Each structure stands twice: as C-alpha cells, then as structure tokens.
Amino acid sequence: MKKLLQVDFDFTGPFGEEMSTLLIDLAESINNEPGMIWKIWTESQKEQLGGGIYLFENEAYAQAYLTMHSARLKEMGVEKVRGYIFDINLPLSTVNNAPLIEVNKDEQ
C-alpha cells in the first residue's frame, strides 16, 4: 500500500530559486531512492522551515528513506528532523482533487 511521508526541519536557507539551483543534484538523486514515486519540496522562509511530501511504494521504503535522510540532514547540521508516515484516505482525497493516480491504481 502506498504511503505518504511528510518531513520538515528548521532551515535557514537558501530558499526559492537559489535553493533550486544549489540542490538540483540532490533532487535528481532522490529519484533513484528505492520505492520513491514523487516528492513535493516544501519551504517557508517566513517560518524558517524546509522539507517535503513524498509518495512511496510502501511503508518499508518510506521508513528506510526517512532513516537515511534524517542521518544525511544531521550530517549537514540539522538538529531535529520531524518525519511522519501516513496512510492515504483515497475517497476523501479524490473529493478534493488530489493528484493521486498512482495510489488509485492500487485500489482498483
């Protein structure tokens, strides 16, 4: 069953276009992570937060990625990584136009 992973952490930047330029190699490498389907990058300069929302093939892949990514962020100086793995309520998400075609395939 597909799982969503939500990650956030304190982050002082860079943000926006500068972040996009500096982290393109990291973004491309994430595509090679086992079980990863997609990621939405999140940032808040106002709240000084970085993170992402990921869709993984299953909970084991999501947990493995969270463990690896938390260690990588700590090596980069991030003290606390908040990560949560969620089930997806497809019927309600569909009502709200969620782009979850990948999840819908499992439910058919």
PDB file of N, CA and C in Angstrom:
ATOM      1  N   MET A   1       0.838  -1.179   0.000  1.00  0.00           N
ATOM      2  CA  MET A   1       0.000   0.000   0.000  1.00  0.00           C
ATOM      3  C   MET A   1       0.887   1.248   0.000  1.00  0.00           C
ATOM      4  N   LYS A   2       0.597   2.191  -0.866  1.00  0.00           N
ATOM      5  CA  LYS A   2       1.354   3.438  -0.968  1.00  0.00           C
ATOM      6  C   LYS A   2       1.261   4.218   0.348  1.00  0.00           C
ATOM      7  N   LYS A   3       2.355   4.924   0.663  1.00  0.00           N
ATOM      8  CA  LYS A   3       2.420   5.719   1.885  1.00  0.00           C
ATOM      9  C   LYS A   3       2.964   7.107   1.578  1.00  0.00           C
ATOM     10  N   LEU A   4       2.404   8.087   2.274  1.00  0.00           N
ATOM     11  CA  LEU A   4       2.945   9.446   2.224  1.00  0.00           C
ATOM     12  C   LEU A   4       3.911   9.630   3.370  1.00  0.00           C
ATOM     13  N   LEU A   5       5.019  10.284   3.087  1.00  0.00           N
ATOM     14  CA  LEU A   5       5.993  10.669   4.104  1.00  0.00           C
ATOM     15  C   LEU A   5       6.051  12.181   4.127  1.00  0.00           C
ATOM     16  N   GLN A   6       5.860  12.748   5.300  1.00  0.00           N
ATOM     17  CA  GLN A   6       5.978  14.200   5.496  1.00  0.00           C
ATOM     18  C   GLN A   6       7.214  14.452   6.342  1.00  0.00           C
ATOM     19  N   VAL A   7       8.102  15.304   5.863  1.00  0.00           N
ATOM     20  CA  VAL A   7       9.331  15.643   6.578  1.00  0.00           C
ATOM     21  C   VAL A   7       9.435  17.150   6.661  1.00  0.00           C
ATOM     22  N   ASP A   8       9.827  17.656   7.838  1.00  0.00           N
ATOM     23  CA  ASP A   8      10.194  19.069   7.927  1.00  0.00           C
ATOM     24  C   ASP A   8      11.257  19.243   8.997  1.00  0.00           C
ATOM     25  N   PHE A   9      11.966  20.362   8.898  1.00  0.00           N
ATOM     26  CA  PHE A   9      13.079  20.643   9.799  1.00  0.00           C
ATOM     27  C   PHE A   9      13.383  22.138   9.736  1.00  0.00           C
ATOM     28  N   ASP A  10      14.019  22.631  10.805  1.00  0.00           N
ATOM     29  CA  ASP A  10      14.444  24.027  10.818  1.00  0.00           C
ATOM     30  C   ASP A  10      15.472  24.234   9.712  1.00  0.00           C
ATOM     31  N   PHE A  11      15.306  25.335   8.970  1.00  0.00           N
ATOM     32  CA  PHE A  11      16.135  25.567   7.792  1.00  0.00           C
ATOM     33  C   PHE A  11      16.256  27.070   7.575  1.00  0.00           C
ATOM     34  N   THR A  12      17.483  27.542   7.472  1.00  0.00           N
ATOM     35  CA  THR A  12      17.707  28.982   7.299  1.00  0.00           C
ATOM     36  C   THR A  12      17.983  29.378   5.860  1.00  0.00           C
ATOM     37  N   GLY A  13      17.840  28.453   4.957  1.00  0.00           N
ATOM     38  CA  GLY A  13      18.020  28.769   3.551  1.00  0.00           C
ATOM     39  C   GLY A  13      19.229  28.082   2.987  1.00  0.00           C
ATOM     40  N   PRO A  14      19.386  28.244   1.703  1.00  0.00           N
ATOM     41  CA  PRO A  14      18.738  29.169   0.790  1.00  0.00           C
ATOM     42  C   PRO A  14      17.311  28.732   0.455  1.00  0.00           C
ATOM     43  N   PHE A  15      16.543  29.678  -0.069  1.00  0.00           N
ATOM     44  CA  PHE A  15      15.159  29.448  -0.448  1.00  0.00           C
ATOM     45  C   PHE A  15      14.956  29.811  -1.923  1.00  0.00           C
ATOM     46  N   GLY A  16      13.802  29.409  -2.450  1.00  0.00           N
ATOM     47  CA  GLY A  16      13.396  29.814  -3.792  1.00  0.00           C
ATOM     48  C   GLY A  16      14.343  29.374  -4.880  1.00  0.00           C
ATOM     49  N   GLU A  17      14.616  30.292  -5.783  1.00  0.00           N
ATOM     50  CA  GLU A  17      15.431  29.991  -6.952  1.00  0.00           C
ATOM     51  C   GLU A  17      16.849  29.576  -6.570  1.00  0.00           C
ATOM     52  N   GLU A  18      17.400  30.226  -5.545  1.00  0.00           N
ATOM     53  CA  GLU A  18      18.750  29.864  -5.100  1.00  0.00           C
ATOM     54  C   GLU A  18      18.781  28.424  -4.593  1.00  0.00           C
ATOM     55  N   MET A  19      17.765  28.040  -3.846  1.00  0.00           N
ATOM     56  CA  MET A  19      17.667  26.660  -3.365  1.00  0.00           C
ATOM     57  C   MET A  19      17.577  25.701  -4.542  1.00  0.00           C
ATOM     58  N   SER A  20      16.748  26.042  -5.527  1.00  0.00           N
ATOM     59  CA  SER A  20      16.583  25.198  -6.707  1.00  0.00           C
ATOM     60  C   SER A  20      17.899  24.973  -7.426  1.00  0.00           C
ATOM     61  N   THR A  21      18.687  26.010  -7.543  1.00  0.00           N
ATOM     62  CA  THR A  21      19.979  25.911  -8.221  1.00  0.00           C
ATOM     63  C   THR A  21      20.971  25.071  -7.424  1.00  0.00           C
ATOM     64  N   LEU A  22      21.049  25.325  -6.132  1.00  0.00           N
ATOM     65  CA  LEU A  22      22.050  24.651  -5.300  1.00  0.00           C
ATOM     66  C   LEU A  22      21.724  23.179  -5.016  1.00  0.00           C
ATOM     67  N   LEU A  23      20.456  22.815  -5.011  1.00  0.00           N
ATOM     68  CA  LEU A  23      20.068  21.462  -4.611  1.00  0.00           C
ATOM     69  C   LEU A  23      19.578  20.582  -5.760  1.00  0.00           C
ATOM     70  N   ILE A  24      19.839  21.008  -6.997  1.00  0.00           N
ATOM     71  CA  ILE A  24      19.373  20.228  -8.147  1.00  0.00           C
ATOM     72  C   ILE A  24      19.967  18.816  -8.160  1.00  0.00           C
ATOM     73  N   ASP A  25      21.244  18.674  -7.795  1.00  0.00           N
ATOM     74  CA  ASP A  25      21.855  17.341  -7.780  1.00  0.00           C
ATOM     75  C   ASP A  25      21.195  16.449  -6.733  1.00  0.00           C
ATOM     76  N   LEU A  26      20.903  17.012  -5.571  1.00  0.00           N
ATOM     77  CA  LEU A  26      20.200  16.251  -4.542  1.00  0.00           C
ATOM     78  C   LEU A  26      18.817  15.845  -5.044  1.00  0.00           C
ATOM     79  N   ALA A  27      18.105  16.782  -5.658  1.00  0.00           N
ATOM     80  CA  ALA A  27      16.766  16.481  -6.184  1.00  0.00           C
ATOM     81  C   ALA A  27      16.821  15.336  -7.189  1.00  0.00           C
ATOM     82  N   GLU A  28      17.791  15.379  -8.078  1.00  0.00           N
ATOM     83  CA  GLU A  28      17.914  14.313  -9.080  1.00  0.00           C
ATOM     84  C   GLU A  28      18.250  12.982  -8.432  1.00  0.00           C
ATOM     85  N   SER A  29      19.086  13.000  -7.386  1.00  0.00           N
ATOM     86  CA  SER A  29      19.459  11.747  -6.724  1.00  0.00           C
ATOM     87  C   SER A  29      18.278  11.110  -6.000  1.00  0.00           C
ATOM     88  N   ILE A  30      17.352  11.920  -5.515  1.00  0.00           N
ATOM     89  CA  ILE A  30      16.190  11.393  -4.799  1.00  0.00           C
ATOM     90  C   ILE A  30      15.344  10.515  -5.722  1.00  0.00           C
ATOM     91  N   ASN A  31      15.354  10.801  -7.017  1.00  0.00           N
ATOM     92  CA  ASN A  31      14.613   9.970  -7.970  1.00  0.00           C
ATOM     93  C   ASN A  31      15.102   8.528  -8.000  1.00  0.00           C
ATOM     94  N   ASN A  32      16.320   8.299  -7.522  1.00  0.00           N
ATOM     95  CA  ASN A  32      16.900   6.957  -7.535  1.00  0.00           C
ATOM     96  C   ASN A  32      16.685   6.199  -6.228  1.00  0.00           C
ATOM     97  N   GLU A  33      16.009   6.811  -5.273  1.00  0.00           N
ATOM     98  CA  GLU A  33      15.781   6.151  -3.988  1.00  0.00           C
ATOM     99  C   GLU A  33      14.771   5.016  -4.169  1.00  0.00           C
ATOM    100  N   PRO A  34      15.043   3.869  -3.571  1.00  0.00           N
ATOM    101  CA  PRO A  34      14.136   2.727  -3.711  1.00  0.00           C
ATOM    102  C   PRO A  34      12.712   3.062  -3.249  1.00  0.00           C
ATOM    103  N   GLY A  35      11.754   2.731  -4.100  1.00  0.00           N
ATOM    104  CA  GLY A  35      10.350   2.884  -3.757  1.00  0.00           C
ATOM    105  C   GLY A  35       9.790   4.289  -3.838  1.00  0.00           C
ATOM    106  N   MET A  36      10.615   5.281  -4.158  1.00  0.00           N
ATOM    107  CA  MET A  36      10.143   6.667  -4.219  1.00  0.00           C
ATOM    108  C   MET A  36       9.404   6.891  -5.530  1.00  0.00           C
ATOM    109  N   ILE A  37       8.179   7.431  -5.442  1.00  0.00           N
ATOM    110  CA  ILE A  37       7.371   7.705  -6.631  1.00  0.00           C
ATOM    111  C   ILE A  37       7.468   9.176  -7.000  1.00  0.00           C
ATOM    112  N   TRP A  38       7.265  10.076  -6.023  1.00  0.00           N
ATOM    113  CA  TRP A  38       7.421  11.511  -6.265  1.00  0.00           C
ATOM    114  C   TRP A  38       7.672  12.245  -4.960  1.00  0.00           C
ATOM    115  N   LYS A  39       8.137  13.470  -5.103  1.00  0.00           N
ATOM    116  CA  LYS A  39       8.364  14.358  -3.965  1.00  0.00           C
ATOM    117  C   LYS A  39       7.873  15.749  -4.326  1.00  0.00           C
ATOM    118  N   ILE A  40       7.246  16.391  -3.357  1.00  0.00           N
ATOM    119  CA  ILE A  40       6.946  17.818  -3.436  1.00  0.00           C
ATOM    120  C   ILE A  40       7.847  18.497  -2.423  1.00  0.00           C
ATOM    121  N   TRP A  41       8.686  19.396  -2.889  1.00  0.00           N
ATOM    122  CA  TRP A  41       9.585  20.135  -1.997  1.00  0.00           C
ATOM    123  C   TRP A  41       8.792  21.239  -1.302  1.00  0.00           C
ATOM    124  N   THR A  42       9.013  21.396  -0.004  1.00  0.00           N
ATOM    125  CA  THR A  42       8.338  22.443   0.757  1.00  0.00           C
ATOM    126  C   THR A  42       9.376  23.358   1.392  1.00  0.00           C
ATOM    127  N   GLU A  43       9.023  24.636   1.496  1.00  0.00           N
ATOM    128  CA  GLU A  43       9.914  25.604   2.132  1.00  0.00           C
ATOM    129  C   GLU A  43       9.083  26.763   2.667  1.00  0.00           C
ATOM    130  N   SER A  44       9.561  27.336   3.747  1.00  0.00           N
ATOM    131  CA  SER A  44       8.939  28.527   4.309  1.00  0.00           C
ATOM    132  C   SER A  44      10.040  29.432   4.843  1.00  0.00           C
ATOM    133  N   GLN A  45      10.338  30.463   4.069  1.00  0.00           N
ATOM    134  CA  GLN A  45      11.339  31.411   4.534  1.00  0.00           C
ATOM    135  C   GLN A  45      10.838  32.119   5.789  1.00  0.00           C
ATOM    136  N   LYS A  46       9.548  32.428   5.817  1.00  0.00           N
ATOM    137  CA  LYS A  46       8.960  33.111   6.969  1.00  0.00           C
ATOM    138  C   LYS A  46       9.114  32.290   8.250  1.00  0.00           C
ATOM    139  N   GLU A  47       8.827  30.991   8.183  1.00  0.00           N
ATOM    140  CA  GLU A  47       8.898  30.121   9.359  1.00  0.00           C
ATOM    141  C   GLU A  47      10.267  29.460   9.523  1.00  0.00           C
ATOM    142  N   GLN A  48      11.165  29.672   8.532  1.00  0.00           N
ATOM    143  CA  GLN A  48      12.499  29.071   8.543  1.00  0.00           C
ATOM    144  C   GLN A  48      12.422  27.544   8.609  1.00  0.00           C
ATOM    145  N   LEU A  49      11.681  26.977   7.652  1.00  0.00           N
ATOM    146  CA  LEU A  49      11.494  25.534   7.561  1.00  0.00           C
ATOM    147  C   LEU A  49      11.782  25.033   6.156  1.00  0.00           C
ATOM    148  N   GLY A  50      12.286  23.830   6.079  1.00  0.00           N
ATOM    149  CA  GLY A  50      12.437  23.126   4.819  1.00  0.00           C
ATOM    150  C   GLY A  50      11.832  21.750   4.974  1.00  0.00           C
ATOM    151  N   GLY A  51      11.597  21.064   3.862  1.00  0.00           N
ATOM    152  CA  GLY A  51      11.061  19.718   3.967  1.00  0.00           C
ATOM    153  C   GLY A  51      10.479  19.221   2.671  1.00  0.00           C
ATOM    154  N   GLY A  52       9.573  18.255   2.807  1.00  0.00           N
ATOM    155  CA  GLY A  52       8.950  17.701   1.622  1.00  0.00           C
ATOM    156  C   GLY A  52       7.842  16.731   1.959  1.00  0.00           C
ATOM    157  N   ILE A  53       7.040  16.460   0.942  1.00  0.00           N
ATOM    158  CA  ILE A  53       5.998  15.443   0.989  1.00  0.00           C
ATOM    159  C   ILE A  53       6.357  14.432  -0.098  1.00  0.00           C
ATOM    160  N   TYR A  54       6.428  13.173   0.273  1.00  0.00           N
ATOM    161  CA  TYR A  54       6.858  12.116  -0.632  1.00  0.00           C
ATOM    162  C   TYR A  54       5.757  11.064  -0.757  1.00  0.00           C
ATOM    163  N   LEU A  55       5.710  10.411  -1.897  1.00  0.00           N
ATOM    164  CA  LEU A  55       4.881   9.227  -2.058  1.00  0.00           C
ATOM    165  C   LEU A  55       5.821   8.050  -2.303  1.00  0.00           C
ATOM    166  N   PHE A  56       5.662   7.010  -1.464  1.00  0.00           N
ATOM    167  CA  PHE A  56       6.479   5.801  -1.578  1.00  0.00           C
ATOM    168  C   PHE A  56       5.604   4.595  -1.870  1.00  0.00           C
ATOM    169  N   GLU A  57       6.210   3.567  -2.451  1.00  0.00           N
ATOM    170  CA  GLU A  57       5.511   2.331  -2.784  1.00  0.00           C
ATOM    171  C   GLU A  57       4.915   1.654  -1.554  1.00  0.00           C
ATOM    172  N   ASN A  58       5.610   1.759  -0.404  1.00  0.00           N
ATOM    173  CA  ASN A  58       5.108   1.116   0.810  1.00  0.00           C
ATOM    174  C   ASN A  58       5.789   1.726   2.036  1.00  0.00           C
ATOM    175  N   GLU A  59       5.357   1.274   3.198  1.00  0.00           N
ATOM    176  CA  GLU A  59       5.887   1.834   4.444  1.00  0.00           C
ATOM    177  C   GLU A  59       7.360   1.509   4.660  1.00  0.00           C
ATOM    178  N   ALA A  60       7.780   0.330   4.264  1.00  0.00           N
ATOM    179  CA  ALA A  60       9.186  -0.042   4.438  1.00  0.00           C
ATOM    180  C   ALA A  60      10.107   0.906   3.670  1.00  0.00           C
ATOM    181  N   TYR A  61       9.764   1.224   2.437  1.00  0.00           N
ATOM    182  CA  TYR A  61      10.570   2.176   1.660  1.00  0.00           C
ATOM    183  C   TYR A  61      10.535   3.563   2.302  1.00  0.00           C
ATOM    184  N   ALA A  62       9.366   3.993   2.752  1.00  0.00           N
ATOM    185  CA  ALA A  62       9.251   5.309   3.377  1.00  0.00           C
ATOM    186  C   ALA A  62      10.100   5.380   4.642  1.00  0.00           C
ATOM    187  N   GLN A  63      10.047   4.347   5.460  1.00  0.00           N
ATOM    188  CA  GLN A  63      10.819   4.334   6.704  1.00  0.00           C
ATOM    189  C   GLN A  63      12.316   4.303   6.421  1.00  0.00           C
ATOM    190  N   ALA A  64      12.729   3.507   5.462  1.00  0.00           N
ATOM    191  CA  ALA A  64      14.147   3.438   5.106  1.00  0.00           C
ATOM    192  C   ALA A  64      14.647   4.788   4.621  1.00  0.00           C
ATOM    193  N   TYR A  65      13.853   5.458   3.797  1.00  0.00           N
ATOM    194  CA  TYR A  65      14.246   6.780   3.312  1.00  0.00           C
ATOM    195  C   TYR A  65      14.315   7.776   4.462  1.00  0.00           C
ATOM    196  N   LEU A  66      13.323   7.766   5.345  1.00  0.00           N
ATOM    197  CA  LEU A  66      13.317   8.691   6.478  1.00  0.00           C
ATOM    198  C   LEU A  66      14.560   8.496   7.341  1.00  0.00           C
ATOM    199  N   THR A  67      14.938   7.262   7.606  1.00  0.00           N
ATOM    200  CA  THR A  67      16.136   6.973   8.405  1.00  0.00           C
ATOM    201  C   THR A  67      17.387   7.520   7.714  1.00  0.00           C
ATOM    202  N   MET A  68      17.528   7.233   6.422  1.00  0.00           N
ATOM    203  CA  MET A  68      18.697   7.690   5.663  1.00  0.00           C
ATOM    204  C   MET A  68      18.722   9.208   5.578  1.00  0.00           C
ATOM    205  N   HIS A  69      17.580   9.812   5.251  1.00  0.00           N
ATOM    206  CA  HIS A  69      17.517  11.260   5.048  1.00  0.00           C
ATOM    207  C   HIS A  69      17.754  12.007   6.358  1.00  0.00           C
ATOM    208  N   SER A  70      17.235  11.474   7.463  1.00  0.00           N
ATOM    209  CA  SER A  70      17.465  12.099   8.768  1.00  0.00           C
ATOM    210  C   SER A  70      18.953  12.121   9.099  1.00  0.00           C
ATOM    211  N   ALA A  71      19.642  11.017   8.840  1.00  0.00           N
ATOM    212  CA  ALA A  71      21.079  10.950   9.078  1.00  0.00           C
ATOM    213  C   ALA A  71      21.828  11.936   8.182  1.00  0.00           C
ATOM    214  N   ARG A  72      21.424  12.032   6.919  1.00  0.00           N
ATOM    215  CA  ARG A  72      22.072  12.959   5.984  1.00  0.00           C
ATOM    216  C   ARG A  72      21.881  14.398   6.449  1.00  0.00           C
ATOM    217  N   LEU A  73      20.660  14.740   6.863  1.00  0.00           N
ATOM    218  CA  LEU A  73      20.397  16.103   7.332  1.00  0.00           C
ATOM    219  C   LEU A  73      21.182  16.419   8.598  1.00  0.00           C
ATOM    220  N   LYS A  74      21.314  15.462   9.484  1.00  0.00           N
ATOM    221  CA  LYS A  74      22.084  15.684  10.717  1.00  0.00           C
ATOM    222  C   LYS A  74      23.553  15.937  10.388  1.00  0.00           C
ATOM    223  N   GLU A  75      24.080  15.236   9.379  1.00  0.00           N
ATOM    224  CA  GLU A  75      25.447  15.483   8.924  1.00  0.00           C
ATOM    225  C   GLU A  75      25.598  16.894   8.373  1.00  0.00           C
ATOM    226  N   MET A  76      24.492  17.462   7.874  1.00  0.00           N
ATOM    227  CA  MET A  76      24.500  18.821   7.330  1.00  0.00           C
ATOM    228  C   MET A  76      24.212  19.868   8.411  1.00  0.00           C
ATOM    229  N   GLY A  77      24.071  19.431   9.676  1.00  0.00           N
ATOM    230  CA  GLY A  77      23.880  20.366  10.766  1.00  0.00           C
ATOM    231  C   GLY A  77      22.453  20.546  11.243  1.00  0.00           C
ATOM    232  N   VAL A  78      21.517  19.794  10.673  1.00  0.00           N
ATOM    233  CA  VAL A  78      20.124  19.881  11.115  1.00  0.00           C
ATOM    234  C   VAL A  78      19.990  19.069  12.402  1.00  0.00           C
ATOM    235  N   GLU A  79      19.546  19.724  13.469  1.00  0.00           N
ATOM    236  CA  GLU A  79      19.482  19.053  14.765  1.00  0.00           C
ATOM    237  C   GLU A  79      18.283  18.126  14.908  1.00  0.00           C
ATOM    238  N   LYS A  80      17.119  18.557  14.456  1.00  0.00           N
ATOM    239  CA  LYS A  80      15.907  17.757  14.644  1.00  0.00           C
ATOM    240  C   LYS A  80      15.134  17.651  13.337  1.00  0.00           C
ATOM    241  N   VAL A  81      14.886  16.425  12.927  1.00  0.00           N
ATOM    242  CA  VAL A  81      14.102  16.148  11.732  1.00  0.00           C
ATOM    243  C   VAL A  81      12.770  15.557  12.184  1.00  0.00           C
ATOM    244  N   ARG A  82      11.686  16.139  11.723  1.00  0.00           N
ATOM    245  CA  ARG A  82      10.360  15.615  12.030  1.00  0.00           C
ATOM    246  C   ARG A  82       9.857  14.862  10.804  1.00  0.00           C
ATOM    247  N   GLY A  83       9.565  13.589  10.976  1.00  0.00           N
ATOM    248  CA  GLY A  83       9.089  12.770   9.871  1.00  0.00           C
ATOM    249  C   GLY A  83       7.907  11.923  10.290  1.00  0.00           C
ATOM    250  N   TYR A  84       6.875  11.899   9.456  1.00  0.00           N
ATOM    251  CA  TYR A  84       5.656  11.159   9.739  1.00  0.00           C
ATOM    252  C   TYR A  84       5.232  10.398   8.492  1.00  0.00           C
ATOM    253  N   ILE A  85       4.836   9.149   8.690  1.00  0.00           N
ATOM    254  CA  ILE A  85       4.360   8.318   7.591  1.00  0.00           C
ATOM    255  C   ILE A  85       2.850   8.174   7.739  1.00  0.00           C
ATOM    256  N   PHE A  86       2.145   8.444   6.644  1.00  0.00           N
ATOM    257  CA  PHE A  86       0.691   8.453   6.667  1.00  0.00           C
ATOM    258  C   PHE A  86       0.101   7.476   5.661  1.00  0.00           C
ATOM    259  N   ASP A  87      -1.069   6.919   6.027  1.00  0.00           N
ATOM    260  CA  ASP A  87      -1.934   6.257   5.056  1.00  0.00           C
ATOM    261  C   ASP A  87      -2.659   7.359   4.298  1.00  0.00           C
ATOM    262  N   ILE A  88      -3.230   7.009   3.159  1.00  0.00           N
ATOM    263  CA  ILE A  88      -3.957   7.972   2.338  1.00  0.00           C
ATOM    264  C   ILE A  88      -5.426   7.580   2.321  1.00  0.00           C
ATOM    265  N   ASN A  89      -6.289   8.504   2.670  1.00  0.00           N
ATOM    266  CA  ASN A  89      -7.731   8.285   2.548  1.00  0.00           C
ATOM    267  C   ASN A  89      -8.100   8.690   1.127  1.00  0.00           C
ATOM    268  N   LEU A  90      -8.102   7.711   0.243  1.00  0.00           N
ATOM    269  CA  LEU A  90      -8.316   7.984  -1.174  1.00  0.00           C
ATOM    270  C   LEU A  90      -9.701   8.548  -1.482  1.00  0.00           C
ATOM    271  N   PRO A  91     -10.797   8.020  -0.904  1.00  0.00           N
ATOM    272  CA  PRO A  91     -12.106   8.593  -1.235  1.00  0.00           C
ATOM    273  C   PRO A  91     -12.202  10.088  -0.927  1.00  0.00           C
ATOM    274  N   LEU A  92     -11.753  10.500   0.251  1.00  0.00           N
ATOM    275  CA  LEU A  92     -11.829  11.921   0.590  1.00  0.00           C
ATOM    276  C   LEU A  92     -10.829  12.744  -0.210  1.00  0.00           C
ATOM    277  N   SER A  93      -9.643  12.191  -0.446  1.00  0.00           N
ATOM    278  CA  SER A  93      -8.649  12.906  -1.241  1.00  0.00           C
ATOM    279  C   SER A  93      -9.137  13.127  -2.659  1.00  0.00           C
ATOM    280  N   THR A  94      -9.853  12.159  -3.197  1.00  0.00           N
ATOM    281  CA  THR A  94     -10.420  12.283  -4.540  1.00  0.00           C
ATOM    282  C   THR A  94     -11.451  13.401  -4.597  1.00  0.00           C
ATOM    283  N   VAL A  95     -12.279  13.522  -3.565  1.00  0.00           N
ATOM    284  CA  VAL A  95     -13.264  14.608  -3.493  1.00  0.00           C
ATOM    285  C   VAL A  95     -12.563  15.957  -3.606  1.00  0.00           C
ATOM    286  N   ASN A  96     -11.350  16.042  -3.034  1.00  0.00           N
ATOM    287  CA  ASN A  96     -10.607  17.302  -3.032  1.00  0.00           C
ATOM    288  C   ASN A  96      -9.561  17.380  -4.136  1.00  0.00           C
ATOM    289  N   ASN A  97      -9.719  16.581  -5.188  1.00  0.00           N
ATOM    290  CA  ASN A  97      -8.893  16.659  -6.404  1.00  0.00           C
ATOM    291  C   ASN A  97      -7.414  16.358  -6.194  1.00  0.00           C
ATOM    292  N   ALA A  98      -7.087  15.503  -5.241  1.00  0.00           N
ATOM    293  CA  ALA A  98      -5.687  15.133  -5.023  1.00  0.00           C
ATOM    294  C   ALA A  98      -5.137  14.411  -6.248  1.00  0.00           C
ATOM    295  N   PRO A  99      -3.922  14.746  -6.658  1.00  0.00           N
ATOM    296  CA  PRO A  99      -3.321  14.107  -7.836  1.00  0.00           C
ATOM    297  C   PRO A  99      -2.690  12.760  -7.463  1.00  0.00           C
ATOM    298  N   LEU A 100      -3.530  11.779  -7.175  1.00  0.00           N
ATOM    299  CA  LEU A 100      -3.032  10.510  -6.672  1.00  0.00           C
ATOM    300  C   LEU A 100      -3.367   9.351  -7.602  1.00  0.00           C
ATOM    301  N   ILE A 101      -3.121   9.509  -8.871  1.00  0.00           N
ATOM    302  CA  ILE A 101      -3.380   8.455  -9.850  1.00  0.00           C
ATOM    303  C   ILE A 101      -2.618   7.186  -9.463  1.00  0.00           C
ATOM    304  N   GLU A 102      -1.371   7.356  -8.965  1.00  0.00           N
ATOM    305  CA  GLU A 102      -0.541   6.199  -8.596  1.00  0.00           C
ATOM    306  C   GLU A 102      -1.195   5.389  -7.484  1.00  0.00           C
ATOM    307  N   VAL A 103      -1.833   6.054  -6.537  1.00  0.00           N
ATOM    308  CA  VAL A 103      -2.493   5.375  -5.432  1.00  0.00           C
ATOM    309  C   VAL A 103      -3.761   4.703  -5.927  1.00  0.00           C
ATOM    310  N   ASN A 104      -4.497   5.389  -6.765  1.00  0.00           N
ATOM    311  CA  ASN A 104      -5.763   4.881  -7.292  1.00  0.00           C
ATOM    312  C   ASN A 104      -5.561   3.542  -8.009  1.00  0.00           C
ATOM    313  N   LYS A 105      -4.436   3.336  -8.659  1.00  0.00           N
ATOM    314  CA  LYS A 105      -4.158   2.082  -9.357  1.00  0.00           C
ATOM    315  C   LYS A 105      -4.173   0.909  -8.382  1.00  0.00           C
ATOM    316  N   ASP A 106      -3.677   1.123  -7.155  1.00  0.00           N
ATOM    317  CA  ASP A 106      -3.675   0.071  -6.150  1.00  0.00           C
ATOM    318  C   ASP A 106      -5.070  -0.289  -5.664  1.00  0.00           C
ATOM    319  N   GLU A 107      -5.971   0.664  -5.700  1.00  0.00           N
ATOM    320  CA  GLU A 107      -7.296   0.492  -5.133  1.00  0.00           C
ATOM    321  C   GLU A 107      -8.260  -0.197  -6.098  1.00  0.00           C
ATOM    322  N   GLN A 108      -7.896  -0.294  -7.355  1.00  0.00           N
ATOM    323  CA  GLN A 108      -8.805  -0.880  -8.351  1.00  0.00           C
ATOM    324  C   GLN A 108      -8.744  -2.374  -8.368  1.00  0.00           C
TER     325      GLN A 108
END
